[in-house]
C-alpha atoms as a PDB file:
ATOM      1  CA  MET A   1      78.466 123.860  84.891  1.00  0.00           C
ATOM      2  CA  GLN A   2      80.947 124.590  87.659  1.00  0.00           C
ATOM      3  CA  VAL A   3      83.145 127.615  86.965  1.00  0.00           C
ATOM      4  CA  VAL A   4      86.774 127.285  88.063  1.00  0.00           C
ATOM      5  CA  THR A   5      88.736 130.501  88.382  1.00  0.00           C
ATOM      6  CA  LYS A   6      92.464 131.127  88.169  1.00  0.00           C
ATOM      7  CA  GLU A   7      92.400 131.754  91.929  1.00  0.00           C
ATOM      8  CA  ASP A   8      90.864 128.288  92.483  1.00  0.00           C
ATOM      9  CA  VAL A   9      93.702 126.697  90.530  1.00  0.00           C
ATOM     10  CA  LEU A  10      96.347 128.650  92.429  1.00  0.00           C
ATOM     11  CA  HIS A  11      94.696 127.788  95.746  1.00  0.00           C
ATOM     12  CA  CYS A  12      94.722 124.062  94.891  1.00  0.00           C
ATOM     13  CA  ALA A  13      98.332 124.347  93.775  1.00  0.00           C
ATOM     14  CA  ARG A  14      99.278 125.931  97.116  1.00  0.00           C
ATOM     15  CA  LEU A  15      97.472 123.161  99.010  1.00  0.00           C
ATOM     16  CA  ALA A  16      99.364 120.550  96.964  1.00  0.00           C
ATOM     17  CA  ALA A  17     102.662 122.422  97.412  1.00  0.00           C
ATOM     18  CA  LEU A  18     103.019 122.873  93.656  1.00  0.00           C
ATOM     19  CA  SER A  19     104.623 125.807  91.936  1.00  0.00           C
ATOM     20  CA  LEU A  20     102.967 126.573  88.622  1.00  0.00           C
ATOM     21  CA  GLU A  21     104.175 128.623  85.704  1.00  0.00           C
ATOM     22  CA  ASP A  22     101.684 131.164  84.338  1.00  0.00           C
ATOM     23  CA  SER A  23     101.370 129.086  81.162  1.00  0.00           C
ATOM     24  CA  GLU A  24     100.245 126.037  83.194  1.00  0.00           C
ATOM     25  CA  VAL A  25      97.326 127.694  84.997  1.00  0.00           C
ATOM     26  CA  GLU A  26      94.841 127.977  82.112  1.00  0.00           C
ATOM     27  CA  PRO A  27      95.133 124.332  80.916  1.00  0.00           C
ATOM     28  CA  LEU A  28      94.706 123.170  84.517  1.00  0.00           C
ATOM     29  CA  ARG A  29      91.707 125.432  84.955  1.00  0.00           C
ATOM     30  CA  ARG A  30      90.032 123.886  81.888  1.00  0.00           C
ATOM     31  CA  ASP A  31      90.861 120.360  83.084  1.00  0.00           C
ATOM     32  CA  MET A  32      89.414 121.068  86.524  1.00  0.00           C
ATOM     33  CA  GLU A  33      86.219 122.420  84.946  1.00  0.00           C
ATOM     34  CA  GLN A  34      85.892 119.276  82.824  1.00  0.00           C
ATOM     35  CA  LEU A  35      86.386 117.030  85.856  1.00  0.00           C
ATOM     36  CA  LEU A  36      83.799 118.908  87.888  1.00  0.00           C
ATOM     37  CA  SER A  37      81.377 118.853  84.961  1.00  0.00           C
ATOM     38  CA  PHE A  38      81.792 115.083  84.672  1.00  0.00           C
ATOM     39  CA  ALA A  39      81.246 114.677  88.423  1.00  0.00           C
ATOM     40  CA  GLN A  40      78.037 116.731  88.176  1.00  0.00           C
ATOM     41  CA  ARG A  41      76.797 114.433  85.384  1.00  0.00           C
ATOM     42  CA  LEU A  42      77.497 111.408  87.595  1.00  0.00           C
ATOM     43  CA  ASP A  43      75.658 113.105  90.444  1.00  0.00           C
ATOM     44  CA  GLY A  44      72.481 113.087  88.348  1.00  0.00           C
ATOM     45  CA  LEU A  45      72.414 109.308  87.802  1.00  0.00           C
ATOM     46  CA  ASP A  46      69.649 107.244  89.427  1.00  0.00           C
ATOM     47  CA  LEU A  47      71.485 104.672  91.528  1.00  0.00           C
ATOM     48  CA  SER A  48      68.563 103.592  93.693  1.00  0.00           C
ATOM     49  CA  GLY A  49      68.686  99.973  92.413  1.00  0.00           C
ATOM     50  CA  ALA A  50      72.471  99.619  92.331  1.00  0.00           C
ATOM     51  CA  GLU A  51      74.300  97.636  94.974  1.00  0.00           C
ATOM     52  CA  PRO A  52      77.497  99.150  96.404  1.00  0.00           C
ATOM     53  CA  GLU A  53      80.676  97.545  95.069  1.00  0.00           C
ATOM     54  CA  MET A  54      84.176  97.486  96.453  1.00  0.00           C
ATOM     55  CA  HIS A  55      85.679  96.443  93.096  1.00  0.00           C
ATOM     56  CA  ILE A  56      84.251  96.458  89.603  1.00  0.00           C
ATOM     57  CA  ALA A  57      86.228  93.357  88.657  1.00  0.00           C
ATOM     58  CA  GLU A  58      87.151  90.156  90.409  1.00  0.00           C
ATOM     59  CA  PRO A  59      90.416  90.426  92.344  1.00  0.00           C
ATOM     60  CA  ALA A  60      93.290  89.259  90.161  1.00  0.00           C
ATOM     61  CA  LEU A  61      95.195  87.611  92.994  1.00  0.00           C
ATOM     62  CA  ARG A  62      93.748  84.631  94.787  1.00  0.00           C
ATOM     63  CA  ARG A  63      94.803  84.132  98.367  1.00  0.00           C
ATOM     64  CA  ARG A  64      96.433  80.861  99.246  1.00  0.00           C
ATOM     65  CA  GLU A  65      95.548  78.871 102.299  1.00  0.00           C
ATOM     66  CA  ASP A  66      97.505  79.700 105.416  1.00  0.00           C
ATOM     67  CA  ILE A  67      99.267  76.398 105.993  1.00  0.00           C
ATOM     68  CA  VAL A  68     102.097  75.963 108.472  1.00  0.00           C
ATOM     69  CA  VAL A  69     105.099  74.301 106.850  1.00  0.00           C
ATOM     70  CA  PRO A  70     108.406  73.411 108.473  1.00  0.00           C
ATOM     71  CA  GLY A  71     111.123  76.039 108.062  1.00  0.00           C
ATOM     72  CA  LEU A  72     114.852  75.679 107.626  1.00  0.00           C
ATOM     73  CA  THR A  73     116.977  74.257 110.377  1.00  0.00           C
ATOM     74  CA  GLN A  74     119.794  76.428 111.688  1.00  0.00           C
ATOM     75  CA  ALA A  75     122.351  74.321 109.810  1.00  0.00           C
ATOM     76  CA  GLU A  76     120.396  74.615 106.533  1.00  0.00           C
ATOM     77  CA  ALA A  77     120.059  78.393 106.945  1.00  0.00           C
ATOM     78  CA  LEU A  78     123.794  78.808 107.557  1.00  0.00           C
ATOM     79  CA  ALA A  79     124.873  76.366 104.823  1.00  0.00           C
ATOM     80  CA  ASN A  80     125.055  79.038 102.091  1.00  0.00           C
ATOM     81  CA  ALA A  81     126.056  81.956 104.319  1.00  0.00           C
ATOM     82  CA  PRO A  82     129.355  83.570 103.324  1.00  0.00           C
ATOM     83  CA  ASP A  83     130.376  83.844 106.970  1.00  0.00           C
ATOM     84  CA  HIS A  84     128.969  82.554 110.263  1.00  0.00           C
ATOM     85  CA  ASP A  85     130.164  82.213 113.842  1.00  0.00           C
ATOM     86  CA  ARG A  86     128.728  80.044 116.661  1.00  0.00           C
ATOM     87  CA  GLY A  87     125.435  79.542 114.781  1.00  0.00           C
ATOM     88  CA  PHE A  88     124.873  83.182 113.766  1.00  0.00           C
ATOM     89  CA  LEU A  89     125.327  85.041 110.496  1.00  0.00           C
ATOM     90  CA  VAL A  90     128.278  87.410 110.470  1.00  0.00           C
ATOM     91  CA  VAL A  91     127.513  90.722 108.735  1.00  0.00           C
ATOM     92  CA  PRO A  92     129.517  93.942 108.359  1.00  0.00           C
ATOM     93  CA  LYS A  93     129.196  96.374 111.257  1.00  0.00           C
ATOM     94  CA  ILE A  94     127.193  99.469 110.273  1.00  0.00           C
ATOM     95  CA  ILE A  95     127.226 102.549 112.469  1.00  0.00           C
END
């Protein structure tokens, strides 16, 4: 089992730019030990017959075909514009 010290927790907190209260260090230390223990258990698994996977589940979103469709004409695009001038949208000046 990997032993995590208070100094390890404080070092990680500094790297992550976190400020910890003294009361937060011990629970984090225990959590870090549990995570490292779990990772060590995974390290011992025989994965020689397993194929690498990018995702464990099918992607939820299907990609649509890339089909070119006609866009709006200039007149259609300006039809609902609150203000336009000489074929362009008029927007407030921002500086």
